[in-house]
Amino acid sequence: MSAKKIKPFLGALSANQDASAMLKALNIPAGESTAERESIAPVPMVLGTASPELAQLSPGQTVRLPISRLKRSEFNARVYYNQGEVDETAESIRQSGQQVPAIGYVQGDHVVIVDGGKRLNACIAGNIDTLDVKIVEPPLTPSAEYLNSREVNIRRSVQTAFDDAVRWQELLDKGMFPTTADLIAALKTSNATFSKTIALNRIPATLQRIMTESPQTSALSIAYEVSMIFSRKGEGEDQEKLEAIAEEIVQQIQQKELSRSQVIDLIKSKLEGPKQRIRGETTPVAYKGTRGHIKVVPQRGEIELKIKGLDEASLEGLREQIQAILKNSAGQ
């Protein structure tokens, strides 16, 4: 049984909602009336691959740029894109044209795309030569560029915990925030959420990408439990073995839509293996014409004598013999 794939409803995106969200996050006026928006660039200016005119572009202009003149923002909050959505976006652009311009700023001989990464990926994947881009002022700082991008993605409900995990670690590694506490404060999140999110980086990138394909496995509560599998690496566990176990667990979560408690139980059973039944060693015995057995369970340190059918005198005699043996043993 394969994991159920949920196709995106692309019709939910509109020019007013999509483009103005990033403009608002960047504190750039989006324009109030339809006439004002149309006056910006009803037909985008077209620049060639060798055009030196990028530096002369002004914020507010919409231009049609060759893909070779574009590059992704390294501080875009989103890291992972659903390939199915990218392919559908490429097909939509081919059939209906680009309905919403991407947003970017000029940096040297390129325009950095701060909003519209999926559209850029779609053009690259679909061999579409150009992308319409609305030019904005460059962000004041890289950290501001990231925070603005994350705000927009959260509004669209496309930001995943894995996107956060990768970018938060990069921001710390690059020293974009003086301390972890400063980053947590800027994100307006809790210490617990931050710690769980950062822990997702223990999961290999290839498995992270698989997990982002499903809402079930991209949820922080469940993704964190999966990440805990790789905390056993320091206990001498083989990385390859852990990856195989984790991949199998992820497949089951996606196929069966398991809850967090079910995921915890599944992980425990996979890591510990099936429970082995403890069996004792049984030896037949006979006493006073009756039969029984002695059972020894070494794993538990247990010994058991069981004889049925003794009369009262024989039972008392056997008890006295056992007590005498134990008494003598204790005195040695």
C-alpha atoms as a PDB file:
ATOM      1  CA  MET A   1       0.000   0.000   0.000  1.00  0.00           C
ATOM      2  CA  SER A   2       1.532   3.309  -1.056  1.00  0.00           C
ATOM      3  CA  ALA A   3       1.299   6.550   0.912  1.00  0.00           C
ATOM      4  CA  LYS A   4      -1.664   8.693  -0.066  1.00  0.00           C
ATOM      5  CA  LYS A   5      -0.498  11.792  -1.919  1.00  0.00           C
ATOM      6  CA  ILE A   6      -2.434  14.988  -1.365  1.00  0.00           C
ATOM      7  CA  LYS A   7      -2.411  17.249  -4.398  1.00  0.00           C
ATOM      8  CA  PRO A   8      -2.165  20.977  -3.696  1.00  0.00           C
ATOM      9  CA  PHE A   9      -5.063  23.267  -4.556  1.00  0.00           C
ATOM     10  CA  LEU A  10      -3.171  25.834  -6.593  1.00  0.00           C
ATOM     11  CA  GLY A  11      -6.285  27.858  -7.226  1.00  0.00           C
ATOM     12  CA  ALA A  12      -6.131  29.089  -3.634  1.00  0.00           C
ATOM     13  CA  LEU A  13      -3.196  31.367  -4.491  1.00  0.00           C
ATOM     14  CA  SER A  14      -3.943  34.775  -5.928  1.00  0.00           C
ATOM     15  CA  ALA A  15      -1.815  37.735  -6.877  1.00  0.00           C
ATOM     16  CA  ASN A  16      -3.218  39.918  -4.129  1.00  0.00           C
ATOM     17  CA  GLN A  17      -2.730  37.346  -1.348  1.00  0.00           C
ATOM     18  CA  ASP A  18       0.523  35.802  -2.495  1.00  0.00           C
ATOM     19  CA  ALA A  19       2.655  38.730  -3.610  1.00  0.00           C
ATOM     20  CA  SER A  20       1.332  41.272  -1.123  1.00  0.00           C
ATOM     21  CA  ALA A  21       2.101  38.929   1.779  1.00  0.00           C
ATOM     22  CA  MET A  22       5.831  39.159   1.151  1.00  0.00           C
ATOM     23  CA  LEU A  23       5.622  42.872   0.375  1.00  0.00           C
ATOM     24  CA  LYS A  24       3.910  43.428   3.702  1.00  0.00           C
ATOM     25  CA  ALA A  25       6.527  41.355   5.517  1.00  0.00           C
ATOM     26  CA  LEU A  26       9.251  43.423   3.861  1.00  0.00           C
ATOM     27  CA  ASN A  27       7.402  46.621   4.822  1.00  0.00           C
ATOM     28  CA  ILE A  28       6.985  47.610   1.179  1.00  0.00           C
ATOM     29  CA  PRO A  29       3.658  49.141   0.081  1.00  0.00           C
ATOM     30  CA  ALA A  30       1.803  46.782  -2.235  1.00  0.00           C
ATOM     31  CA  GLY A  31      -0.522  49.452  -3.641  1.00  0.00           C
ATOM     32  CA  GLU A  32      -4.147  49.874  -2.738  1.00  0.00           C
ATOM     33  CA  SER A  33      -6.082  50.027  -5.966  1.00  0.00           C
ATOM     34  CA  THR A  34      -6.201  47.839  -9.059  1.00  0.00           C
ATOM     35  CA  ALA A  35      -5.209  50.822 -11.180  1.00  0.00           C
ATOM     36  CA  GLU A  36      -2.101  51.403  -9.077  1.00  0.00           C
ATOM     37  CA  ARG A  37      -1.073  47.736  -9.331  1.00  0.00           C
ATOM     38  CA  GLU A  38      -1.595  47.674 -13.097  1.00  0.00           C
ATOM     39  CA  SER A  39       0.408  50.863 -13.548  1.00  0.00           C
ATOM     40  CA  ILE A  40       3.489  49.177 -12.117  1.00  0.00           C
ATOM     41  CA  ALA A  41       3.946  46.788 -15.032  1.00  0.00           C
ATOM     42  CA  PRO A  42       0.959  45.433 -16.955  1.00  0.00           C
ATOM     43  CA  VAL A  43       3.497  43.911 -19.344  1.00  0.00           C
ATOM     44  CA  PRO A  44       6.823  43.065 -17.658  1.00  0.00           C
ATOM     45  CA  MET A  45       9.987  44.672 -19.012  1.00  0.00           C
ATOM     46  CA  VAL A  46      12.121  42.019 -20.672  1.00  0.00           C
ATOM     47  CA  LEU A  47      15.866  41.897 -20.002  1.00  0.00           C
ATOM     48  CA  GLY A  48      18.284  39.689 -21.929  1.00  0.00           C
ATOM     49  CA  THR A  49      20.937  37.363 -20.594  1.00  0.00           C
ATOM     50  CA  ALA A  50      23.747  39.837 -21.210  1.00  0.00           C
ATOM     51  CA  SER A  51      21.863  42.955 -20.164  1.00  0.00           C
ATOM     52  CA  PRO A  52      23.821  45.368 -17.934  1.00  0.00           C
ATOM     53  CA  GLU A  53      20.572  47.060 -16.860  1.00  0.00           C
ATOM     54  CA  LEU A  54      19.922  45.235 -13.571  1.00  0.00           C
ATOM     55  CA  ALA A  55      21.574  47.959 -11.495  1.00  0.00           C
ATOM     56  CA  GLN A  56      19.196  50.504 -13.010  1.00  0.00           C
ATOM     57  CA  LEU A  57      16.049  48.645 -11.953  1.00  0.00           C
ATOM     58  CA  SER A  58      13.910  50.409  -9.368  1.00  0.00           C
ATOM     59  CA  PRO A  59      11.816  48.913  -6.563  1.00  0.00           C
ATOM     60  CA  GLY A  60       8.258  48.471  -7.788  1.00  0.00           C
ATOM     61  CA  GLN A  61       9.203  47.456 -11.337  1.00  0.00           C
ATOM     62  CA  THR A  62       8.166  44.036 -12.653  1.00  0.00           C
ATOM     63  CA  VAL A  63      10.608  42.548 -15.119  1.00  0.00           C
ATOM     64  CA  ARG A  64      10.826  39.342 -17.123  1.00  0.00           C
ATOM     65  CA  LEU A  65      14.263  37.888 -16.464  1.00  0.00           C
ATOM     66  CA  PRO A  66      16.167  34.925 -17.912  1.00  0.00           C
ATOM     67  CA  ILE A  67      16.550  32.124 -15.374  1.00  0.00           C
ATOM     68  CA  SER A  68      20.322  32.519 -15.679  1.00  0.00           C
ATOM     69  CA  ARG A  69      20.030  36.002 -14.095  1.00  0.00           C
ATOM     70  CA  LEU A  70      18.218  34.648 -11.014  1.00  0.00           C
ATOM     71  CA  LYS A  71      19.419  32.900  -7.892  1.00  0.00           C
ATOM     72  CA  ARG A  72      17.717  31.561  -4.796  1.00  0.00           C
ATOM     73  CA  SER A  73      18.029  33.391  -1.508  1.00  0.00           C
ATOM     74  CA  GLU A  74      20.216  31.377   0.829  1.00  0.00           C
ATOM     75  CA  PHE A  75      18.129  32.834   3.666  1.00  0.00           C
ATOM     76  CA  ASN A  76      14.769  31.751   2.314  1.00  0.00           C
ATOM     77  CA  ALA A  77      12.939  30.023   5.160  1.00  0.00           C
ATOM     78  CA  ARG A  78      11.780  27.159   2.975  1.00  0.00           C
ATOM     79  CA  VAL A  79      14.236  24.349   2.257  1.00  0.00           C
ATOM     80  CA  TYR A  80      12.109  21.487   0.920  1.00  0.00           C
ATOM     81  CA  TYR A  81       9.634  21.592  -1.967  1.00  0.00           C
ATOM     82  CA  ASN A  82       7.162  18.894  -2.956  1.00  0.00           C
ATOM     83  CA  GLN A  83       8.254  17.733  -6.410  1.00  0.00           C
ATOM     84  CA  GLY A  84       4.670  17.023  -7.416  1.00  0.00           C
ATOM     85  CA  GLU A  85       3.704  20.623  -6.631  1.00  0.00           C
ATOM     86  CA  VAL A  86       6.736  21.913  -8.546  1.00  0.00           C
ATOM     87  CA  ASP A  87       5.768  19.881 -11.625  1.00  0.00           C
ATOM     88  CA  GLU A  88       2.152  21.075 -11.440  1.00  0.00           C
ATOM     89  CA  THR A  89       3.303  24.684 -11.126  1.00  0.00           C
ATOM     90  CA  ALA A  90       5.516  24.254 -14.220  1.00  0.00           C
ATOM     91  CA  GLU A  91       2.572  22.853 -16.172  1.00  0.00           C
ATOM     92  CA  SER A  92       0.344  25.714 -14.996  1.00  0.00           C
ATOM     93  CA  ILE A  93       2.902  28.326 -16.119  1.00  0.00           C
ATOM     94  CA  ARG A  94       3.256  26.614 -19.507  1.00  0.00           C
ATOM     95  CA  GLN A  95      -0.494  26.477 -20.088  1.00  0.00           C
ATOM     96  CA  SER A  96      -1.753  29.698 -18.476  1.00  0.00           C
ATOM     97  CA  GLY A  97       1.323  31.848 -18.041  1.00  0.00           C
ATOM     98  CA  GLN A  98       2.728  33.140 -14.768  1.00  0.00           C
ATOM     99  CA  GLN A  99      -0.151  34.620 -12.783  1.00  0.00           C
ATOM    100  CA  VAL A 100       1.855  35.928  -9.807  1.00  0.00           C
ATOM    101  CA  PRO A 101       5.312  37.532 -10.120  1.00  0.00           C
ATOM    102  CA  ALA A 102       8.099  36.343  -7.885  1.00  0.00           C
ATOM    103  CA  ILE A 103       9.730  38.912  -5.609  1.00  0.00           C
ATOM    104  CA  GLY A 104      13.439  39.651  -5.596  1.00  0.00           C
ATOM    105  CA  TYR A 105      16.138  42.247  -5.161  1.00  0.00           C
ATOM    106  CA  VAL A 106      19.165  43.150  -7.241  1.00  0.00           C
ATOM    107  CA  GLN A 107      22.529  41.853  -6.055  1.00  0.00           C
ATOM    108  CA  GLY A 108      25.376  42.442  -8.497  1.00  0.00           C
ATOM    109  CA  ASP A 109      24.585  40.811 -11.835  1.00  0.00           C
ATOM    110  CA  HIS A 110      21.750  38.683 -10.443  1.00  0.00           C
ATOM    111  CA  VAL A 111      18.341  39.096  -8.855  1.00  0.00           C
ATOM    112  CA  VAL A 112      17.924  37.189  -5.593  1.00  0.00           C
ATOM    113  CA  ILE A 113      14.491  35.576  -5.291  1.00  0.00           C
ATOM    114  CA  VAL A 114      13.129  36.092  -1.772  1.00  0.00           C
ATOM    115  CA  ASP A 115       9.597  34.926  -2.561  1.00  0.00           C
ATOM    116  CA  GLY A 116       8.725  32.548  -5.387  1.00  0.00           C
ATOM    117  CA  GLY A 117      11.187  29.710  -4.891  1.00  0.00           C
ATOM    118  CA  LYS A 118       8.658  27.136  -6.078  1.00  0.00           C
ATOM    119  CA  ARG A 119       7.998  29.142  -9.238  1.00  0.00           C
ATOM    120  CA  LEU A 120      11.739  29.381  -9.887  1.00  0.00           C
ATOM    121  CA  ASN A 121      12.144  25.621  -9.312  1.00  0.00           C
ATOM    122  CA  ALA A 122       9.202  25.009 -11.653  1.00  0.00           C
ATOM    123  CA  CYS A 123      10.824  27.046 -14.436  1.00  0.00           C
ATOM    124  CA  ILE A 124      14.102  25.172 -14.021  1.00  0.00           C
ATOM    125  CA  ALA A 125      12.397  21.759 -13.911  1.00  0.00           C
ATOM    126  CA  GLY A 126      10.088  22.604 -16.813  1.00  0.00           C
ATOM    127  CA  ASN A 127      12.745  24.207 -19.052  1.00  0.00           C
ATOM    128  CA  ILE A 128      10.927  27.550 -18.944  1.00  0.00           C
ATOM    129  CA  ASP A 129      13.395  30.257 -19.915  1.00  0.00           C
ATOM    130  CA  THR A 130      12.117  33.316 -18.011  1.00  0.00           C
ATOM    131  CA  LEU A 131      10.430  34.338 -14.774  1.00  0.00           C
ATOM    132  CA  ASP A 132       8.513  37.529 -13.995  1.00  0.00           C
ATOM    133  CA  VAL A 133       9.950  39.232 -10.914  1.00  0.00           C
ATOM    134  CA  LYS A 134       8.798  42.257  -8.930  1.00  0.00           C
ATOM    135  CA  ILE A 135      11.855  44.213  -7.744  1.00  0.00           C
ATOM    136  CA  VAL A 136      12.020  45.289  -4.097  1.00  0.00           C
ATOM    137  CA  GLU A 137      14.599  46.935  -1.859  1.00  0.00           C
ATOM    138  CA  PRO A 138      17.226  44.543  -0.469  1.00  0.00           C
ATOM    139  CA  PRO A 139      16.556  43.424   3.128  1.00  0.00           C
ATOM    140  CA  LEU A 140      18.499  45.315   5.774  1.00  0.00           C
ATOM    141  CA  THR A 141      20.175  42.164   7.139  1.00  0.00           C
ATOM    142  CA  PRO A 142      20.297  38.436   6.317  1.00  0.00           C
ATOM    143  CA  SER A 143      18.465  37.696   9.574  1.00  0.00           C
ATOM    144  CA  ALA A 144      15.679  40.083   8.571  1.00  0.00           C
ATOM    145  CA  GLU A 145      15.517  38.375   5.171  1.00  0.00           C
ATOM    146  CA  TYR A 146      15.025  34.997   6.868  1.00  0.00           C
ATOM    147  CA  LEU A 147      12.457  36.194   9.417  1.00  0.00           C
ATOM    148  CA  ASN A 148      10.394  37.946   6.719  1.00  0.00           C
ATOM    149  CA  SER A 149      10.453  34.841   4.542  1.00  0.00           C
ATOM    150  CA  ARG A 150       9.395  32.603   7.416  1.00  0.00           C
ATOM    151  CA  GLU A 151       6.512  34.892   8.325  1.00  0.00           C
ATOM    152  CA  VAL A 152       5.139  34.677   4.795  1.00  0.00           C
ATOM    153  CA  ASN A 153       5.520  30.886   4.600  1.00  0.00           C
ATOM    154  CA  ILE A 154       3.761  30.431   7.941  1.00  0.00           C
ATOM    155  CA  ARG A 155       0.835  32.510   6.657  1.00  0.00           C
ATOM    156  CA  ARG A 156       0.589  30.181   3.671  1.00  0.00           C
ATOM    157  CA  SER A 157       0.899  27.069   5.864  1.00  0.00           C
ATOM    158  CA  VAL A 158       3.758  25.703   3.726  1.00  0.00           C
ATOM    159  CA  GLN A 159       6.520  26.034   6.305  1.00  0.00           C
ATOM    160  CA  THR A 160       7.520  22.715   7.896  1.00  0.00           C
ATOM    161  CA  ALA A 161       9.488  21.896  11.018  1.00  0.00           C
ATOM    162  CA  PHE A 162      12.248  20.530   8.762  1.00  0.00           C
ATOM    163  CA  ASP A 163      12.596  23.877   6.957  1.00  0.00           C
ATOM    164  CA  ASP A 164      12.941  25.513  10.370  1.00  0.00           C
ATOM    165  CA  ALA A 165      15.462  22.948  11.632  1.00  0.00           C
ATOM    166  CA  VAL A 166      17.829  23.377   8.684  1.00  0.00           C
ATOM    167  CA  ARG A 167      17.650  27.170   8.541  1.00  0.00           C
ATOM    168  CA  TRP A 168      17.848  27.723  12.308  1.00  0.00           C
ATOM    169  CA  GLN A 169      21.029  25.676  12.499  1.00  0.00           C
ATOM    170  CA  GLU A 170      22.503  27.604   9.553  1.00  0.00           C
ATOM    171  CA  LEU A 171      21.649  30.942  11.185  1.00  0.00           C
ATOM    172  CA  LEU A 172      23.457  29.865  14.348  1.00  0.00           C
ATOM    173  CA  ASP A 173      26.440  28.422  12.462  1.00  0.00           C
ATOM    174  CA  LYS A 174      26.831  31.636  10.449  1.00  0.00           C
ATOM    175  CA  GLY A 175      26.566  33.813  13.552  1.00  0.00           C
ATOM    176  CA  MET A 176      23.524  35.712  12.276  1.00  0.00           C
ATOM    177  CA  PHE A 177      22.293  35.929  15.870  1.00  0.00           C
ATOM    178  CA  PRO A 178      24.684  36.540  18.804  1.00  0.00           C
ATOM    179  CA  THR A 179      23.210  33.744  20.918  1.00  0.00           C
ATOM    180  CA  THR A 180      20.641  30.971  20.709  1.00  0.00           C
ATOM    181  CA  ALA A 181      18.461  32.973  23.092  1.00  0.00           C
ATOM    182  CA  ASP A 182      18.467  35.920  20.651  1.00  0.00           C
ATOM    183  CA  LEU A 183      17.298  33.656  17.816  1.00  0.00           C
ATOM    184  CA  ILE A 184      14.556  32.125  19.990  1.00  0.00           C
ATOM    185  CA  ALA A 185      13.365  35.606  20.932  1.00  0.00           C
ATOM    186  CA  ALA A 186      13.328  36.746  17.279  1.00  0.00           C
ATOM    187  CA  LEU A 187      11.353  33.648  16.291  1.00  0.00           C
ATOM    188  CA  LYS A 188       8.888  34.196  19.161  1.00  0.00           C
ATOM    189  CA  THR A 189       8.987  30.510  19.994  1.00  0.00           C
ATOM    190  CA  SER A 190       9.605  28.539  23.184  1.00  0.00           C
ATOM    191  CA  ASN A 191      12.842  26.908  24.308  1.00  0.00           C
ATOM    192  CA  ALA A 192      11.170  23.494  24.172  1.00  0.00           C
ATOM    193  CA  THR A 193       9.919  23.964  20.597  1.00  0.00           C
ATOM    194  CA  PHE A 194      13.312  25.291  19.508  1.00  0.00           C
ATOM    195  CA  SER A 195      15.175  22.320  21.045  1.00  0.00           C
ATOM    196  CA  LYS A 196      12.826  19.759  19.486  1.00  0.00           C
ATOM    197  CA  THR A 197      13.048  21.469  16.105  1.00  0.00           C
ATOM    198  CA  ILE A 198      16.850  21.651  16.085  1.00  0.00           C
ATOM    199  CA  ALA A 199      16.921  17.944  17.038  1.00  0.00           C
ATOM    200  CA  LEU A 200      15.371  17.105  13.650  1.00  0.00           C
ATOM    201  CA  ASN A 201      18.791  17.744  12.077  1.00  0.00           C
ATOM    202  CA  ARG A 202      19.819  14.341  13.432  1.00  0.00           C
ATOM    203  CA  ILE A 203      17.641  12.833  10.689  1.00  0.00           C
ATOM    204  CA  PRO A 204      19.592  12.351   7.402  1.00  0.00           C
ATOM    205  CA  ALA A 205      18.668  14.875   4.686  1.00  0.00           C
ATOM    206  CA  THR A 206      17.395  12.168   2.313  1.00  0.00           C
ATOM    207  CA  LEU A 207      14.932  10.933   4.938  1.00  0.00           C
ATOM    208  CA  GLN A 208      13.948  14.496   5.861  1.00  0.00           C
ATOM    209  CA  ARG A 209      12.899  15.058   2.266  1.00  0.00           C
ATOM    210  CA  ILE A 210      10.738  11.918   2.310  1.00  0.00           C
ATOM    211  CA  MET A 211       9.122  13.010   5.570  1.00  0.00           C
ATOM    212  CA  THR A 212       8.184  16.447   4.197  1.00  0.00           C
ATOM    213  CA  GLU A 213       6.032  14.728   1.557  1.00  0.00           C
ATOM    214  CA  SER A 214       3.376  13.906   4.162  1.00  0.00           C
ATOM    215  CA  PRO A 215       1.645  16.182   6.704  1.00  0.00           C
ATOM    216  CA  GLN A 216       1.768  13.283   9.163  1.00  0.00           C
ATOM    217  CA  THR A 217       5.554  12.872   9.171  1.00  0.00           C
ATOM    218  CA  SER A 218       6.335  16.588   8.826  1.00  0.00           C
ATOM    219  CA  ALA A 219       4.465  17.388  12.068  1.00  0.00           C
ATOM    220  CA  LEU A 220       6.982  18.354  14.767  1.00  0.00           C
ATOM    221  CA  SER A 221       5.543  16.037  17.443  1.00  0.00           C
ATOM    222  CA  ILE A 222       5.983  12.938  15.268  1.00  0.00           C
ATOM    223  CA  ALA A 223       9.160  14.051  13.466  1.00  0.00           C
ATOM    224  CA  TYR A 224      10.842  14.588  16.846  1.00  0.00           C
ATOM    225  CA  GLU A 225      10.095  10.994  17.895  1.00  0.00           C
ATOM    226  CA  VAL A 226      11.678   9.770  14.649  1.00  0.00           C
ATOM    227  CA  SER A 227      14.745  11.941  15.331  1.00  0.00           C
ATOM    228  CA  MET A 228      15.196  10.185  18.671  1.00  0.00           C
ATOM    229  CA  ILE A 229      16.074   7.000  16.767  1.00  0.00           C
ATOM    230  CA  PHE A 230      19.364   8.646  15.768  1.00  0.00           C
ATOM    231  CA  SER A 231      20.197   9.642  19.349  1.00  0.00           C
ATOM    232  CA  ARG A 232      21.214   5.983  19.787  1.00  0.00           C
ATOM    233  CA  LYS A 233      24.139   6.480  17.389  1.00  0.00           C
ATOM    234  CA  GLY A 234      26.349   7.475  20.322  1.00  0.00           C
ATOM    235  CA  GLU A 235      25.452   4.207  22.049  1.00  0.00           C
ATOM    236  CA  GLY A 236      27.324   2.203  19.420  1.00  0.00           C
ATOM    237  CA  GLU A 237      24.379   1.615  17.091  1.00  0.00           C
ATOM    238  CA  ASP A 238      25.205   1.322  13.377  1.00  0.00           C
ATOM    239  CA  GLN A 239      24.093   4.400  11.381  1.00  0.00           C
ATOM    240  CA  GLU A 240      23.027   2.326   8.384  1.00  0.00           C
ATOM    241  CA  LYS A 241      20.867   0.110  10.579  1.00  0.00           C
ATOM    242  CA  LEU A 242      19.245   3.129  12.235  1.00  0.00           C
ATOM    243  CA  GLU A 243      18.475   4.694   8.842  1.00  0.00           C
ATOM    244  CA  ALA A 244      16.847   1.474   7.625  1.00  0.00           C
ATOM    245  CA  ILE A 245      14.710   1.253  10.770  1.00  0.00           C
ATOM    246  CA  ALA A 246      13.735   4.927  10.537  1.00  0.00           C
ATOM    247  CA  GLU A 247      12.779   4.652   6.857  1.00  0.00           C
ATOM    248  CA  GLU A 248      10.560   1.640   7.570  1.00  0.00           C
ATOM    249  CA  ILE A 249       8.894   3.487  10.450  1.00  0.00           C
ATOM    250  CA  VAL A 250       8.299   6.593   8.318  1.00  0.00           C
ATOM    251  CA  GLN A 251       6.631   4.470   5.630  1.00  0.00           C
ATOM    252  CA  GLN A 252       4.286   2.938   8.205  1.00  0.00           C
ATOM    253  CA  ILE A 253       3.443   6.344   9.684  1.00  0.00           C
ATOM    254  CA  GLN A 254       2.543   7.719   6.256  1.00  0.00           C
ATOM    255  CA  GLN A 255       0.561   4.661   5.174  1.00  0.00           C
ATOM    256  CA  LYS A 256      -1.357   4.100   8.418  1.00  0.00           C
ATOM    257  CA  GLU A 257      -1.500   7.747   9.628  1.00  0.00           C
ATOM    258  CA  LEU A 258      -0.236   6.722  13.060  1.00  0.00           C
ATOM    259  CA  SER A 259      -0.673   8.934  16.117  1.00  0.00           C
ATOM    260  CA  ARG A 260       2.263  10.079  18.252  1.00  0.00           C
ATOM    261  CA  SER A 261       1.650   7.401  20.909  1.00  0.00           C
ATOM    262  CA  GLN A 262       1.481   4.715  18.209  1.00  0.00           C
ATOM    263  CA  VAL A 263       4.741   6.026  16.717  1.00  0.00           C
ATOM    264  CA  ILE A 264       6.458   5.842  20.108  1.00  0.00           C
ATOM    265  CA  ASP A 265       5.328   2.214  20.557  1.00  0.00           C
ATOM    266  CA  LEU A 266       6.387   1.315  17.005  1.00  0.00           C
ATOM    267  CA  ILE A 267       9.856   2.842  17.448  1.00  0.00           C
ATOM    268  CA  LYS A 268      10.315   1.013  20.757  1.00  0.00           C
ATOM    269  CA  SER A 269       9.360  -2.331  19.233  1.00  0.00           C
ATOM    270  CA  LYS A 270      11.656  -1.827  16.216  1.00  0.00           C
ATOM    271  CA  LEU A 271      14.664  -0.822  18.301  1.00  0.00           C
ATOM    272  CA  GLU A 272      14.249  -3.448  21.012  1.00  0.00           C
ATOM    273  CA  GLY A 273      13.136  -6.233  18.662  1.00  0.00           C
ATOM    274  CA  PRO A 274      10.411  -8.781  19.420  1.00  0.00           C
ATOM    275  CA  LYS A 275      10.024  -9.793  23.072  1.00  0.00           C
ATOM    276  CA  GLN A 276      11.648 -13.140  23.751  1.00  0.00           C
ATOM    277  CA  ARG A 277       9.723 -15.565  25.932  1.00  0.00           C
ATOM    278  CA  ILE A 278      11.775 -16.669  28.905  1.00  0.00           C
ATOM    279  CA  ARG A 279      11.758 -20.448  29.150  1.00  0.00           C
ATOM    280  CA  GLY A 280      12.923 -22.473  32.141  1.00  0.00           C
ATOM    281  CA  GLU A 281      14.856 -25.771  32.202  1.00  0.00           C
ATOM    282  CA  THR A 282      12.587 -28.541  33.510  1.00  0.00           C
ATOM    283  CA  THR A 283      13.868 -31.856  34.988  1.00  0.00           C
ATOM    284  CA  PRO A 284      11.437 -34.701  35.881  1.00  0.00           C
ATOM    285  CA  VAL A 285      11.679 -36.110  39.463  1.00  0.00           C
ATOM    286  CA  ALA A 286       9.959 -38.870  41.492  1.00  0.00           C
ATOM    287  CA  TYR A 287       9.382 -39.087  45.262  1.00  0.00           C
ATOM    288  CA  LYS A 288       7.482 -41.655  47.336  1.00  0.00           C
ATOM    289  CA  GLY A 289       5.773 -43.110  44.289  1.00  0.00           C
ATOM    290  CA  THR A 290       4.697 -39.735  42.855  1.00  0.00           C
ATOM    291  CA  ARG A 291       6.079 -37.744  39.975  1.00  0.00           C
ATOM    292  CA  GLY A 292       6.883 -34.050  39.582  1.00  0.00           C
ATOM    293  CA  HIS A 293       9.581 -31.745  38.236  1.00  0.00           C
ATOM    294  CA  ILE A 294      12.220 -29.196  39.138  1.00  0.00           C
ATOM    295  CA  LYS A 295      12.125 -26.042  37.020  1.00  0.00           C
ATOM    296  CA  VAL A 296      15.107 -23.663  36.834  1.00  0.00           C
ATOM    297  CA  VAL A 297      14.941 -20.211  35.168  1.00  0.00           C
ATOM    298  CA  PRO A 298      18.558 -18.912  35.054  1.00  0.00           C
ATOM    299  CA  GLN A 299      17.586 -15.458  33.609  1.00  0.00           C
ATOM    300  CA  ARG A 300      15.413 -14.811  36.642  1.00  0.00           C
ATOM    301  CA  GLY A 301      17.444 -16.688  39.238  1.00  0.00           C
ATOM    302  CA  GLU A 302      14.465 -18.939  40.017  1.00  0.00           C
ATOM    303  CA  ILE A 303      14.099 -22.623  41.017  1.00  0.00           C
ATOM    304  CA  GLU A 304      10.795 -24.385  41.540  1.00  0.00           C
ATOM    305  CA  LEU A 305       9.974 -27.877  42.844  1.00  0.00           C
ATOM    306  CA  LYS A 306       6.518 -29.212  42.059  1.00  0.00           C
ATOM    307  CA  ILE A 307       5.177 -32.621  43.129  1.00  0.00           C
ATOM    308  CA  LYS A 308       1.500 -33.596  43.303  1.00  0.00           C
ATOM    309  CA  GLY A 309      -0.281 -36.482  45.064  1.00  0.00           C
ATOM    310  CA  LEU A 310       1.823 -36.782  48.244  1.00  0.00           C
ATOM    311  CA  ASP A 311       0.139 -37.886  51.456  1.00  0.00           C
ATOM    312  CA  GLU A 312       0.476 -35.650  54.498  1.00  0.00           C
ATOM    313  CA  ALA A 313       3.351 -37.578  56.104  1.00  0.00           C
ATOM    314  CA  SER A 314       5.380 -37.696  52.860  1.00  0.00           C
ATOM    315  CA  LEU A 315       4.789 -33.978  52.250  1.00  0.00           C
ATOM    316  CA  GLU A 316       6.001 -33.108  55.762  1.00  0.00           C
ATOM    317  CA  GLY A 317       9.061 -35.361  55.368  1.00  0.00           C
ATOM    318  CA  LEU A 318      10.011 -33.709  52.056  1.00  0.00           C
ATOM    319  CA  ARG A 319       9.597 -30.219  53.532  1.00  0.00           C
ATOM    320  CA  GLU A 320      11.932 -31.111  56.441  1.00  0.00           C
ATOM    321  CA  GLN A 321      14.560 -32.470  54.026  1.00  0.00           C
ATOM    322  CA  ILE A 322      14.481 -29.304  51.903  1.00  0.00           C
ATOM    323  CA  GLN A 323      14.752 -27.088  54.976  1.00  0.00           C
ATOM    324  CA  ALA A 324      17.707 -29.123  56.264  1.00  0.00           C
ATOM    325  CA  ILE A 325      19.510 -28.764  52.920  1.00  0.00           C
ATOM    326  CA  LEU A 326      18.974 -25.024  52.893  1.00  0.00           C
ATOM    327  CA  LYS A 327      20.044 -24.709  56.546  1.00  0.00           C
ATOM    328  CA  ASN A 328      23.262 -26.597  55.916  1.00  0.00           C
ATOM    329  CA  SER A 329      23.947 -24.513  52.795  1.00  0.00           C
ATOM    330  CA  ALA A 330      23.455 -21.254  54.702  1.00  0.00           C
ATOM    331  CA  GLY A 331      26.027 -22.348  57.320  1.00  0.00           C
ATOM    332  CA  GLN A 332      28.744 -22.981  54.729  1.00  0.00           C
END
